[in-house]
Every structure is written in structure tokens, then in C-alpha cells.
């Protein structure tokens, strides 16, 4: 199983429950504490409001390197390198998802991700060193929750390594799941 962000939290929960084979969790949510919860909630809520307000202009804004960088700096270490049409589609999808606001609120106020003392499935946790959403210091908590997991650092990646380091992401996934 492979998951990213919220999906990474879900695959870790499946591993915790003993319901998964090999697991790759990329920048999983749920390991924040204290001010990090407020940071997550405030920044994502503000970003969501901004993206919704800008929705009609997203193709033009994301087509411009400066605009794309401004909108994606929290999620990507290299927003200027992202395909403008891809970014516009991602942001429109976010803007159009009616449940995302309540999901963010639940994540910010909910329980921290638990981990097993032991998991029989191999687990790899990947984290972008430049993640500005699930901050890199949270990786220590993830490893404490899943002590048998292997940590993989994406040195030049933000929150979504498949955007910033796609080849390395594919290698990590294939190595972990073969």
C-alpha cells in the first residue's frame, strides 16, 4: 500500500491494525503537536479560501512562474518546475471539494496518529526535507510510533515527493513493495 499525506496516514493506520502488506507512507499527516496543529489548520484553511477566491483565474495565475510559486510554495520545493496545467487542475479540484474544510478541521483537532509497538509488515516512511505542511521534525514522532519502519528522506522535496522527486519516489515505492 502506498499513500501520500492523508493517504499516508491511512496506510499507516492499516499497518497499525495489521491489515496491510508492505506500506510506503509519504509525508504522512497526523504527527503534529502543539503549535504545529494551529499552523496546519491556519495555513491550509487560508490557502483553501485563497484558491476558491482565485478559481476563475487559476489557469492564468498558475501559468505564470511567480503566481505558481506563490500558490504552491507550501507544498512543493520546486513549484516553478511543476506543469502549469497540472497545478491548475490540482487547485481547481481542491477548490471544488466541498468536504475539504471539515476534513482539515477534523485532522487539526483530531487524535495524533498512533503506532504499534510492533508491525509485521515492512513500513517505509518518506519525508521531504522541505515539507512546509507536515514539518520535517514530525518524522521523529512517526518513527517513534513505527519503530521498525525505515525512514527515507527526500532531500529536495516538499510535501509531495512525487511532484518534486518523481524518479526517486518511484524507486522508493518499488524497492519497498517488491
Protein backbone atom coordinates (compact mmCIF):
# COMPACT_ATOMS: atom_id res chain seq x y z
CA UNK A 1 0.00 0.00 0.00
CA UNK A 2 1.20 3.47 -0.83
CA UNK A 3 -0.21 6.73 0.44
CA UNK A 4 0.70 10.39 0.44
CA UNK A 5 -0.29 13.00 3.04
CA UNK A 6 -3.73 11.97 4.34
CA UNK A 7 -3.42 8.78 2.29
CA UNK A 8 -0.12 8.08 4.07
CA UNK A 9 -1.87 8.41 7.39
CA UNK A 10 -4.48 5.92 6.19
CA UNK A 11 -1.94 3.30 5.08
CA UNK A 12 -0.09 3.67 8.40
CA UNK A 13 -3.37 3.07 10.20
CA UNK A 14 -3.92 -0.05 8.10
CA UNK A 15 -0.42 -1.24 9.05
CA UNK A 16 -1.11 -0.45 12.72
CA UNK A 17 -4.21 -2.63 12.55
CA UNK A 18 -2.30 -5.44 10.83
CA UNK A 19 -4.37 -5.07 7.66
CA UNK A 20 -1.62 -4.18 5.19
CA UNK A 21 1.30 -5.76 3.44
CA UNK A 22 4.28 -3.56 2.65
CA UNK A 23 3.50 0.11 3.28
CA UNK A 24 5.04 3.29 1.91
CA UNK A 25 3.81 6.44 3.66
CA UNK A 26 4.92 9.72 2.06
CA UNK A 27 4.83 12.78 4.33
CA UNK A 28 2.01 11.42 6.50
CA UNK A 29 -0.29 13.76 8.36
CA UNK A 30 -1.19 13.20 11.98
CA UNK A 31 2.15 13.58 13.75
CA UNK A 32 1.85 17.27 14.60
CA UNK A 33 1.80 18.59 18.17
CA UNK A 34 1.07 21.91 19.84
CA UNK A 35 1.55 24.91 17.57
CA UNK A 36 2.02 22.63 14.55
CA UNK A 37 -1.71 21.81 14.64
CA UNK A 38 -2.57 25.50 14.56
CA UNK A 39 -0.04 26.06 11.78
CA UNK A 40 -1.51 23.22 9.70
CA UNK A 41 -5.10 24.38 10.21
CA UNK A 42 -4.44 28.09 9.66
CA UNK A 43 -2.27 27.75 6.58
CA UNK A 44 -4.41 25.18 4.80
CA UNK A 45 -7.65 26.99 5.65
CA UNK A 46 -6.24 30.28 4.34
CA UNK A 47 -4.85 28.59 1.22
CA UNK A 48 -8.20 26.95 0.54
CA UNK A 49 -10.03 30.28 0.84
CA UNK A 50 -7.50 31.92 -1.48
CA UNK A 51 -7.71 29.16 -4.09
CA UNK A 52 -11.52 29.31 -4.04
CA UNK A 53 -11.46 33.09 -4.47
CA UNK A 54 -8.98 32.83 -7.34
CA UNK A 55 -10.61 29.83 -9.02
CA UNK A 56 -11.65 31.62 -12.25
CA UNK A 57 -8.12 33.00 -12.70
CA UNK A 58 -6.18 29.84 -11.74
CA UNK A 59 -5.08 28.92 -15.29
CA UNK A 60 -3.56 32.38 -15.80
CA UNK A 61 -2.01 32.52 -12.32
CA UNK A 62 -0.52 29.02 -12.48
CA UNK A 63 0.72 29.72 -16.00
CA UNK A 64 2.99 32.38 -14.54
CA UNK A 65 6.09 31.18 -12.66
CA UNK A 66 5.69 33.81 -9.93
CA UNK A 67 1.99 33.02 -9.45
CA UNK A 68 2.59 29.27 -9.42
CA UNK A 69 5.41 29.67 -6.91
CA UNK A 70 3.29 31.86 -4.63
CA UNK A 71 0.41 29.37 -4.64
CA UNK A 72 2.47 26.19 -4.31
CA UNK A 73 5.43 27.14 -2.10
CA UNK A 74 3.99 25.36 0.94
CA UNK A 75 3.54 22.09 -0.94
CA UNK A 76 6.43 21.91 -3.39
CA UNK A 77 10.14 22.59 -3.08
CA UNK A 78 10.18 23.36 -6.82
CA UNK A 79 6.84 24.96 -7.77
CA UNK A 80 8.40 26.68 -10.78
CA UNK A 81 9.18 23.25 -12.26
CA UNK A 82 5.62 21.96 -11.96
CA UNK A 83 3.46 21.81 -15.08
CA UNK A 84 1.10 24.82 -15.03
CA UNK A 85 -1.89 22.83 -16.31
CA UNK A 86 -1.32 20.15 -13.66
CA UNK A 87 -1.18 22.77 -10.90
CA UNK A 88 -4.36 24.44 -12.17
CA UNK A 89 -6.19 21.08 -12.18
CA UNK A 90 -4.98 20.20 -8.68
CA UNK A 91 -6.00 23.57 -7.27
CA UNK A 92 -9.40 23.53 -9.02
CA UNK A 93 -10.02 20.07 -7.62
CA UNK A 94 -9.16 21.32 -4.13
CA UNK A 95 -11.41 24.36 -4.56
CA UNK A 96 -14.30 22.19 -5.77
CA UNK A 97 -14.11 19.61 -2.97
CA UNK A 98 -16.90 20.59 -0.59
CA UNK A 99 -15.74 18.42 2.30
CA UNK A 100 -12.11 19.56 2.43
CA UNK A 101 -12.78 22.30 5.02
CA UNK A 102 -14.35 19.90 7.51
CA UNK A 103 -11.63 17.35 6.79
CA UNK A 104 -8.89 19.88 7.60
CA UNK A 105 -10.68 20.85 10.80
CA UNK A 106 -11.05 17.20 11.85
CA UNK A 107 -7.39 16.49 11.10
CA UNK A 108 -6.20 19.55 13.01
CA UNK A 109 -8.29 18.80 16.07
CA UNK A 110 -8.28 15.01 15.98
CA UNK A 111 -6.07 12.44 17.64
CA UNK A 112 -2.44 12.06 16.70
CA UNK A 113 -1.66 9.00 14.56
CA UNK A 114 -0.98 6.03 16.79
CA UNK A 115 1.55 3.39 16.03
CA UNK A 116 2.12 -0.19 17.04
CA UNK A 117 4.91 -1.32 19.27
CA UNK A 118 5.39 -3.89 16.54
CA UNK A 119 4.19 -4.29 12.97
CA UNK A 120 4.74 -7.40 10.92
CA UNK A 121 4.52 -5.56 7.59
CA UNK A 122 7.52 -3.67 6.26
CA UNK A 123 6.92 0.07 6.53
CA UNK A 124 8.83 2.85 4.79
CA UNK A 125 8.14 6.43 5.81
CA UNK A 126 9.30 9.01 3.29
CA UNK A 127 9.58 12.69 4.16
CA UNK A 128 10.54 15.76 2.20
CA UNK A 129 13.22 17.79 3.94
CA UNK A 130 11.48 20.91 2.60
CA UNK A 131 7.95 19.93 3.60
CA UNK A 132 6.22 23.11 4.78
CA UNK A 133 2.95 21.43 5.71
CA UNK A 134 3.88 18.32 7.71
CA UNK A 135 7.12 19.73 9.03
CA UNK A 136 10.24 17.52 8.98
CA UNK A 137 10.54 17.40 12.79
CA UNK A 138 7.32 15.36 12.77
CA UNK A 139 9.26 12.49 11.19
CA UNK A 140 10.81 11.73 14.59
CA UNK A 141 7.31 11.17 16.01
CA UNK A 142 6.38 8.98 13.06
CA UNK A 143 9.46 6.85 13.63
CA UNK A 144 8.72 6.62 17.36
CA UNK A 145 5.21 5.40 16.52
CA UNK A 146 6.54 2.90 13.95
CA UNK A 147 9.97 1.94 15.34
CA UNK A 148 10.58 -0.84 12.82
CA UNK A 149 9.90 1.45 9.88
CA UNK A 150 12.67 2.59 7.57
CA UNK A 151 12.96 6.34 7.10
CA UNK A 152 13.71 7.73 3.65
CA UNK A 153 14.49 11.42 3.34
CA UNK A 154 13.75 13.18 0.07
CA UNK A 155 16.44 15.85 0.21
CA UNK A 156 14.98 18.20 -2.41
CA UNK A 157 11.28 17.68 -1.87
CA UNK A 158 8.36 19.43 -0.29
CA UNK A 159 5.14 17.78 0.87
CA UNK A 160 4.64 15.76 -2.31
CA UNK A 161 7.83 13.90 -3.33
CA UNK A 162 6.09 12.52 -6.41
CA UNK A 163 5.99 16.12 -7.69
CA UNK A 164 9.50 17.20 -6.71
CA UNK A 165 11.48 13.97 -6.99
CA UNK A 166 9.34 11.59 -9.06
CA UNK A 167 12.08 9.15 -10.09
CA UNK A 168 13.31 8.73 -6.53
CA UNK A 169 9.73 8.32 -5.32
CA UNK A 170 9.11 5.52 -7.81
CA UNK A 171 12.35 3.81 -6.73
CA UNK A 172 11.42 4.01 -3.03
CA UNK A 173 7.97 2.55 -3.74
CA UNK A 174 9.24 -0.26 -5.95
CA UNK A 175 12.07 -1.15 -3.55
CA UNK A 176 9.63 -1.31 -0.63
CA UNK A 177 6.88 -3.25 -2.35
CA UNK A 178 8.80 -5.83 -4.41
